[in-house]
């Protein structure tokens, strides 16, 4: 079974990070507002990034990591700009 970490772009331009074991179902839940909370207040939402993992703990760790990232770093990840992701990580570390 695969597990996923994902990023959604909300209608207000903000990002939401989450994890799940069924990405299609979870995306439908977010898009319909069925989950309530953050994304339900910011519909429509669009999946902008996801990655799969063998274990739920791995997907959850990535979700938590993404929630601590700056907007610029998330956008670099979404754009596949790995060197920029690394540079932004180094800048934040001092």
N, C-alpha and C. Protein backbone atom coordinates (compact mmCIF):
# COMPACT_ATOMS: atom_id res chain seq x y z
N UNK A 1 0.85 -1.18 0.00
CA UNK A 1 0.00 0.00 0.00
C UNK A 1 0.89 1.24 0.00
N UNK A 2 0.51 2.24 -0.77
CA UNK A 2 1.25 3.49 -0.84
C UNK A 2 0.57 4.54 0.04
N UNK A 3 1.37 5.45 0.52
CA UNK A 3 0.90 6.60 1.28
C UNK A 3 1.43 7.85 0.59
N UNK A 4 0.72 8.95 0.72
CA UNK A 4 1.05 10.15 -0.03
C UNK A 4 1.14 11.37 0.88
N UNK A 5 2.12 12.21 0.60
CA UNK A 5 2.16 13.56 1.13
C UNK A 5 1.77 14.46 -0.03
N UNK A 6 1.05 15.53 0.25
CA UNK A 6 0.57 16.37 -0.85
C UNK A 6 0.48 17.84 -0.42
N UNK A 7 0.46 18.69 -1.44
CA UNK A 7 0.24 20.12 -1.26
C UNK A 7 -0.95 20.53 -2.12
N UNK A 8 -1.84 21.31 -1.53
CA UNK A 8 -2.95 21.90 -2.25
C UNK A 8 -2.76 23.40 -2.31
N UNK A 9 -3.16 24.00 -3.42
CA UNK A 9 -3.25 25.46 -3.50
C UNK A 9 -4.72 25.81 -3.32
N UNK A 10 -4.98 26.66 -2.36
CA UNK A 10 -6.35 27.07 -2.06
C UNK A 10 -6.72 28.30 -2.90
N UNK A 11 -8.02 28.57 -2.97
CA UNK A 11 -8.54 29.68 -3.76
C UNK A 11 -7.95 31.03 -3.34
N UNK A 12 -7.59 31.17 -2.10
CA UNK A 12 -7.02 32.44 -1.62
C UNK A 12 -5.51 32.52 -1.84
N UNK A 13 -4.92 31.50 -2.51
CA UNK A 13 -3.49 31.50 -2.80
C UNK A 13 -2.64 30.84 -1.74
N UNK A 14 -3.22 30.45 -0.63
CA UNK A 14 -2.47 29.78 0.42
C UNK A 14 -2.25 28.31 0.06
N UNK A 15 -1.37 27.66 0.81
CA UNK A 15 -1.07 26.25 0.58
C UNK A 15 -1.48 25.44 1.81
N UNK A 16 -1.88 24.19 1.54
CA UNK A 16 -2.24 23.26 2.59
C UNK A 16 -1.49 21.96 2.36
N UNK A 17 -0.82 21.46 3.39
CA UNK A 17 -0.09 20.19 3.31
C UNK A 17 -0.85 19.13 4.07
N UNK A 18 -0.87 17.92 3.50
CA UNK A 18 -1.54 16.81 4.15
C UNK A 18 -0.91 15.49 3.76
N UNK A 19 -1.47 14.40 4.30
CA UNK A 19 -1.04 13.06 3.90
C UNK A 19 -2.25 12.13 3.92
N UNK A 20 -2.17 11.06 3.15
CA UNK A 20 -3.29 10.14 3.02
C UNK A 20 -2.83 8.81 2.44
N UNK A 21 -3.71 7.82 2.49
CA UNK A 21 -3.43 6.55 1.82
C UNK A 21 -4.25 6.41 0.53
N UNK A 22 -5.11 7.40 0.23
CA UNK A 22 -5.89 7.39 -1.02
C UNK A 22 -6.00 8.83 -1.51
N UNK A 23 -5.10 9.19 -2.39
CA UNK A 23 -4.99 10.59 -2.84
C UNK A 23 -6.25 11.05 -3.58
N UNK A 24 -6.81 10.22 -4.43
CA UNK A 24 -8.00 10.62 -5.18
C UNK A 24 -9.19 10.90 -4.26
N UNK A 25 -9.42 10.00 -3.32
CA UNK A 25 -10.53 10.19 -2.37
C UNK A 25 -10.29 11.44 -1.53
N UNK A 26 -9.08 11.61 -1.03
CA UNK A 26 -8.79 12.77 -0.18
C UNK A 26 -8.96 14.08 -0.96
N UNK A 27 -8.51 14.11 -2.20
CA UNK A 27 -8.66 15.31 -3.01
C UNK A 27 -10.14 15.63 -3.22
N UNK A 28 -10.95 14.62 -3.51
CA UNK A 28 -12.39 14.82 -3.66
C UNK A 28 -13.01 15.35 -2.37
N UNK A 29 -12.57 14.82 -1.23
CA UNK A 29 -13.07 15.30 0.07
C UNK A 29 -12.72 16.77 0.27
N UNK A 30 -11.47 17.14 -0.04
CA UNK A 30 -11.07 18.54 0.09
C UNK A 30 -11.87 19.43 -0.86
N UNK A 31 -12.02 19.01 -2.10
CA UNK A 31 -12.69 19.83 -3.10
C UNK A 31 -14.18 20.03 -2.80
N UNK A 32 -14.78 19.08 -2.12
CA UNK A 32 -16.20 19.20 -1.79
C UNK A 32 -16.44 19.92 -0.46
N UNK A 33 -15.38 20.12 0.31
CA UNK A 33 -15.53 20.73 1.62
C UNK A 33 -15.94 19.75 2.70
N UNK A 34 -15.97 18.45 2.37
CA UNK A 34 -16.45 17.43 3.31
C UNK A 34 -15.61 17.30 4.57
N UNK A 35 -14.35 17.68 4.50
CA UNK A 35 -13.46 17.54 5.66
C UNK A 35 -13.56 18.71 6.62
N UNK A 36 -14.21 19.78 6.21
CA UNK A 36 -14.29 20.96 7.06
C UNK A 36 -12.92 21.60 7.20
N UNK A 37 -12.77 22.43 8.19
CA UNK A 37 -11.47 23.01 8.50
C UNK A 37 -10.93 23.98 7.46
N UNK A 38 -9.62 24.01 7.38
CA UNK A 38 -8.88 25.01 6.60
C UNK A 38 -9.31 25.06 5.14
N UNK A 39 -9.30 23.92 4.46
CA UNK A 39 -9.56 23.94 3.03
C UNK A 39 -11.03 24.20 2.71
N UNK A 40 -11.94 23.80 3.57
CA UNK A 40 -13.37 24.01 3.31
C UNK A 40 -13.70 25.49 3.25
N UNK A 41 -12.93 26.30 3.94
CA UNK A 41 -13.15 27.75 3.96
C UNK A 41 -12.44 28.45 2.81
N UNK A 42 -11.69 27.69 2.01
CA UNK A 42 -10.87 28.28 0.95
C UNK A 42 -11.05 27.56 -0.39
N UNK A 43 -12.25 27.08 -0.64
CA UNK A 43 -12.52 26.37 -1.89
C UNK A 43 -12.45 27.36 -3.06
N UNK A 44 -12.04 26.97 -4.11
CA UNK A 44 -11.65 25.69 -4.67
C UNK A 44 -10.20 25.39 -4.33
N UNK A 45 -9.86 24.13 -4.24
CA UNK A 45 -8.48 23.73 -4.00
C UNK A 45 -7.98 22.91 -5.18
N UNK A 46 -6.67 23.01 -5.42
CA UNK A 46 -6.04 22.31 -6.53
C UNK A 46 -4.82 21.56 -6.02
N UNK A 47 -4.69 20.32 -6.40
CA UNK A 47 -3.49 19.55 -6.07
C UNK A 47 -2.33 20.09 -6.90
N UNK A 48 -1.26 20.52 -6.23
CA UNK A 48 -0.12 21.09 -6.96
C UNK A 48 1.15 20.26 -6.81
N UNK A 49 1.18 19.34 -5.84
CA UNK A 49 2.35 18.48 -5.64
C UNK A 49 1.94 17.28 -4.80
N UNK A 50 2.53 16.13 -5.10
CA UNK A 50 2.38 14.96 -4.25
C UNK A 50 3.57 14.03 -4.46
N UNK A 51 3.81 13.18 -3.48
CA UNK A 51 4.84 12.16 -3.58
C UNK A 51 4.34 10.94 -2.81
N UNK A 52 4.79 9.77 -3.22
CA UNK A 52 4.33 8.54 -2.57
C UNK A 52 5.44 7.94 -1.71
N UNK A 53 5.01 7.21 -0.68
CA UNK A 53 5.92 6.61 0.29
C UNK A 53 5.42 5.21 0.64
N UNK A 54 6.32 4.38 1.08
CA UNK A 54 5.96 3.01 1.45
C UNK A 54 5.31 2.93 2.82
N UNK A 55 5.60 3.88 3.70
CA UNK A 55 5.07 3.84 5.07
C UNK A 55 4.36 5.14 5.41
N UNK A 56 3.27 5.02 6.18
CA UNK A 56 2.52 6.21 6.59
C UNK A 56 3.39 7.21 7.36
N UNK A 57 4.26 6.69 8.21
CA UNK A 57 5.12 7.59 8.99
C UNK A 57 5.97 8.48 8.09
N UNK A 58 6.43 7.94 6.97
CA UNK A 58 7.23 8.74 6.04
C UNK A 58 6.39 9.87 5.45
N UNK A 59 5.18 9.57 5.00
CA UNK A 59 4.30 10.58 4.43
C UNK A 59 3.95 11.64 5.48
N UNK A 60 3.70 11.20 6.71
CA UNK A 60 3.37 12.14 7.78
C UNK A 60 4.55 13.06 8.09
N UNK A 61 5.76 12.51 8.10
CA UNK A 61 6.95 13.33 8.35
C UNK A 61 7.11 14.40 7.27
N UNK A 62 6.88 14.03 6.02
CA UNK A 62 6.99 15.00 4.93
C UNK A 62 5.91 16.07 5.07
N UNK A 63 4.69 15.67 5.41
CA UNK A 63 3.63 16.66 5.65
C UNK A 63 4.06 17.67 6.71
N UNK A 64 4.54 17.18 7.83
CA UNK A 64 4.97 18.07 8.92
C UNK A 64 6.12 18.98 8.48
N UNK A 65 7.03 18.42 7.69
CA UNK A 65 8.15 19.20 7.18
C UNK A 65 7.63 20.33 6.27
N UNK A 66 6.73 20.00 5.36
CA UNK A 66 6.19 20.99 4.44
C UNK A 66 5.48 22.12 5.18
N UNK A 67 4.80 21.80 6.25
CA UNK A 67 4.08 22.82 7.01
C UNK A 67 5.02 23.86 7.62
N UNK A 68 6.29 23.49 7.78
CA UNK A 68 7.26 24.43 8.31
C UNK A 68 8.00 25.23 7.24
N UNK A 69 7.74 24.93 5.99
CA UNK A 69 8.45 25.59 4.90
C UNK A 69 7.87 26.96 4.58
N UNK A 70 8.73 27.80 4.05
CA UNK A 70 8.28 29.11 3.57
C UNK A 70 7.50 28.93 2.27
N UNK A 71 6.75 29.95 1.92
CA UNK A 71 6.00 29.94 0.66
C UNK A 71 6.96 29.77 -0.53
N UNK A 72 8.09 30.48 -0.49
CA UNK A 72 9.06 30.41 -1.59
C UNK A 72 9.59 28.99 -1.76
N UNK A 73 9.85 28.32 -0.66
CA UNK A 73 10.37 26.95 -0.73
C UNK A 73 9.31 26.00 -1.27
N UNK A 74 8.05 26.17 -0.85
CA UNK A 74 6.98 25.33 -1.39
C UNK A 74 6.85 25.54 -2.89
N UNK A 75 6.91 26.78 -3.33
CA UNK A 75 6.76 27.06 -4.76
C UNK A 75 7.94 26.52 -5.56
N UNK A 76 9.12 26.50 -4.98
CA UNK A 76 10.27 25.89 -5.65
C UNK A 76 10.04 24.38 -5.79
N UNK A 77 9.52 23.75 -4.75
CA UNK A 77 9.20 22.32 -4.81
C UNK A 77 8.16 22.04 -5.88
N UNK A 78 7.09 22.82 -5.91
CA UNK A 78 6.03 22.65 -6.89
C UNK A 78 6.58 22.78 -8.31
N UNK A 79 7.50 23.71 -8.48
CA UNK A 79 8.09 23.94 -9.80
C UNK A 79 9.21 22.98 -10.16
N UNK A 80 9.56 22.08 -9.23
CA UNK A 80 10.63 21.12 -9.49
C UNK A 80 12.01 21.75 -9.50
N UNK A 81 12.17 22.87 -8.83
CA UNK A 81 13.44 23.59 -8.78
C UNK A 81 14.22 23.15 -7.54
N UNK A 82 14.82 21.96 -7.64
CA UNK A 82 15.47 21.32 -6.49
C UNK A 82 16.64 22.12 -5.96
N UNK A 83 17.40 22.75 -6.85
CA UNK A 83 18.54 23.56 -6.38
C UNK A 83 18.06 24.74 -5.56
N UNK A 84 16.95 25.35 -5.96
CA UNK A 84 16.38 26.46 -5.20
C UNK A 84 15.85 25.98 -3.85
N UNK A 85 15.21 24.81 -3.82
CA UNK A 85 14.74 24.24 -2.54
C UNK A 85 15.93 24.11 -1.59
N UNK A 86 17.03 23.57 -2.08
CA UNK A 86 18.23 23.39 -1.25
C UNK A 86 18.81 24.73 -0.82
N UNK A 87 18.86 25.69 -1.73
CA UNK A 87 19.39 27.02 -1.40
C UNK A 87 18.53 27.70 -0.34
N UNK A 88 17.23 27.59 -0.46
CA UNK A 88 16.34 28.20 0.53
C UNK A 88 16.49 27.51 1.88
N UNK A 89 16.72 26.21 1.88
CA UNK A 89 16.95 25.49 3.13
C UNK A 89 18.23 25.98 3.81
N UNK A 90 19.28 26.16 3.00
CA UNK A 90 20.55 26.66 3.56
C UNK A 90 20.41 28.07 4.09
N UNK A 91 19.67 28.93 3.39
CA UNK A 91 19.47 30.31 3.83
C UNK A 91 18.75 30.36 5.16
N UNK A 92 17.81 29.48 5.36
CA UNK A 92 17.03 29.47 6.60
C UNK A 92 17.85 28.98 7.78
N UNK A 93 18.83 28.11 7.49
CA UNK A 93 19.65 27.57 8.56
C UNK A 93 20.69 28.57 9.04
N UNK A 94 20.84 29.65 8.30
CA UNK A 94 21.74 30.69 8.77
C UNK A 94 22.98 30.77 7.97
